[in-house]
Amino acid sequence: MEVLERAQQLEAEGKSIIHLEIGEPDFPTAPHICEAAHMPSMPAIQPTHIVRDTRTQRGNH
């Protein structure tokens, strides 16, 4: 809301402001974006795999 308040202040001072901080888009979200939003952000990894991979990368097996 601070951004909106500052934009309104600048607008009151006569500055030209393009408001992008609040509102709904007038177009639908692309299907691939919606699909990606439903995917897990990271694959499931077990902690033992992380330790093993780290040791292998350092050459300490």
C-alpha atoms as a PDB file:
ATOM      1  CA  MET A   1       0.000   0.000   0.000  1.00  0.00           C
ATOM      2  CA  GLU A   2       2.987   2.306   0.434  1.00  0.00           C
ATOM      3  CA  VAL A   3       3.553   2.218  -3.312  1.00  0.00           C
ATOM      4  CA  LEU A   4      -0.043   3.249  -3.990  1.00  0.00           C
ATOM      5  CA  GLU A   5       0.153   6.079  -1.466  1.00  0.00           C
ATOM      6  CA  ARG A   6       3.396   7.372  -3.004  1.00  0.00           C
ATOM      7  CA  ALA A   7       1.925   7.120  -6.513  1.00  0.00           C
ATOM      8  CA  GLN A   8      -1.138   9.075  -5.422  1.00  0.00           C
ATOM      9  CA  GLN A   9       1.074  11.716  -3.832  1.00  0.00           C
ATOM     10  CA  LEU A  10       3.104  12.115  -7.015  1.00  0.00           C
ATOM     11  CA  GLU A  11      -0.075  12.212  -9.076  1.00  0.00           C
ATOM     12  CA  ALA A  12      -1.450  14.986  -6.836  1.00  0.00           C
ATOM     13  CA  GLU A  13       1.756  16.911  -7.568  1.00  0.00           C
ATOM     14  CA  GLY A  14       0.975  16.693 -11.276  1.00  0.00           C
ATOM     15  CA  LYS A  15       3.267  13.814 -12.197  1.00  0.00           C
ATOM     16  CA  SER A  16       2.069  11.293 -14.793  1.00  0.00           C
ATOM     17  CA  ILE A  17       1.752   7.880 -13.136  1.00  0.00           C
ATOM     18  CA  ILE A  18       1.023   4.524 -14.739  1.00  0.00           C
ATOM     19  CA  HIS A  19      -0.573   2.354 -12.061  1.00  0.00           C
ATOM     20  CA  LEU A  20       0.664  -1.234 -12.164  1.00  0.00           C
ATOM     21  CA  GLU A  21       0.653  -1.960  -8.437  1.00  0.00           C
ATOM     22  CA  ILE A  22      -3.017  -2.823  -7.857  1.00  0.00           C
ATOM     23  CA  GLY A  23      -5.732  -4.519  -9.871  1.00  0.00           C
ATOM     24  CA  GLU A  24      -6.610  -7.537 -11.908  1.00  0.00           C
ATOM     25  CA  PRO A  25      -5.199  -8.158 -15.374  1.00  0.00           C
ATOM     26  CA  ASP A  26      -7.606  -7.854 -18.282  1.00  0.00           C
ATOM     27  CA  PHE A  27      -6.336 -11.095 -19.824  1.00  0.00           C
ATOM     28  CA  PRO A  28      -6.245 -14.719 -18.634  1.00  0.00           C
ATOM     29  CA  THR A  29      -3.111 -16.330 -17.269  1.00  0.00           C
ATOM     30  CA  ALA A  30      -1.326 -18.492 -19.864  1.00  0.00           C
ATOM     31  CA  PRO A  31      -2.103 -22.213 -19.431  1.00  0.00           C
ATOM     32  CA  HIS A  32       1.567 -23.192 -18.968  1.00  0.00           C
ATOM     33  CA  ILE A  33       1.841 -20.725 -16.076  1.00  0.00           C
ATOM     34  CA  CYS A  34      -1.224 -22.241 -14.380  1.00  0.00           C
ATOM     35  CA  GLU A  35       0.193 -25.752 -14.853  1.00  0.00           C
ATOM     36  CA  ALA A  36       3.556 -24.731 -13.397  1.00  0.00           C
ATOM     37  CA  ALA A  37       1.842 -23.224 -10.365  1.00  0.00           C
ATOM     38  CA  HIS A  38       0.447 -26.635  -9.488  1.00  0.00           C
ATOM     39  CA  MET A  39       3.818 -28.415  -9.728  1.00  0.00           C
ATOM     40  CA  PRO A  40       6.017 -28.884  -6.660  1.00  0.00           C
ATOM     41  CA  SER A  41       8.809 -26.337  -6.549  1.00  0.00           C
ATOM     42  CA  MET A  42      11.471 -28.976  -5.855  1.00  0.00           C
ATOM     43  CA  PRO A  43      11.556 -32.716  -6.449  1.00  0.00           C
ATOM     44  CA  ALA A  44      11.537 -34.896  -3.366  1.00  0.00           C
ATOM     45  CA  ILE A  45      15.140 -35.581  -2.325  1.00  0.00           C
ATOM     46  CA  GLN A  46      16.171 -37.680   0.612  1.00  0.00           C
ATOM     47  CA  PRO A  47      18.892 -36.126   2.815  1.00  0.00           C
ATOM     48  CA  THR A  48      21.141 -39.192   2.441  1.00  0.00           C
ATOM     49  CA  HIS A  49      21.394 -38.557  -1.303  1.00  0.00           C
ATOM     50  CA  ILE A  50      22.563 -35.009  -0.682  1.00  0.00           C
ATOM     51  CA  VAL A  51      25.345 -36.155   1.663  1.00  0.00           C
ATOM     52  CA  ARG A  52      26.442 -38.936  -0.688  1.00  0.00           C
ATOM     53  CA  ASP A  53      26.511 -36.579  -3.700  1.00  0.00           C
ATOM     54  CA  THR A  54      28.517 -33.968  -1.802  1.00  0.00           C
ATOM     55  CA  ARG A  55      31.131 -36.516  -0.721  1.00  0.00           C
ATOM     56  CA  THR A  56      31.395 -37.880  -4.259  1.00  0.00           C
ATOM     57  CA  GLN A  57      31.869 -34.425  -5.720  1.00  0.00           C
ATOM     58  CA  ARG A  58      34.727 -33.707  -3.301  1.00  0.00           C
ATOM     59  CA  GLY A  59      36.344 -37.044  -4.015  1.00  0.00           C
ATOM     60  CA  ASN A  60      35.977 -38.285  -0.408  1.00  0.00           C
ATOM     61  CA  HIS A  61      34.154 -41.555  -0.946  1.00  0.00           C
END
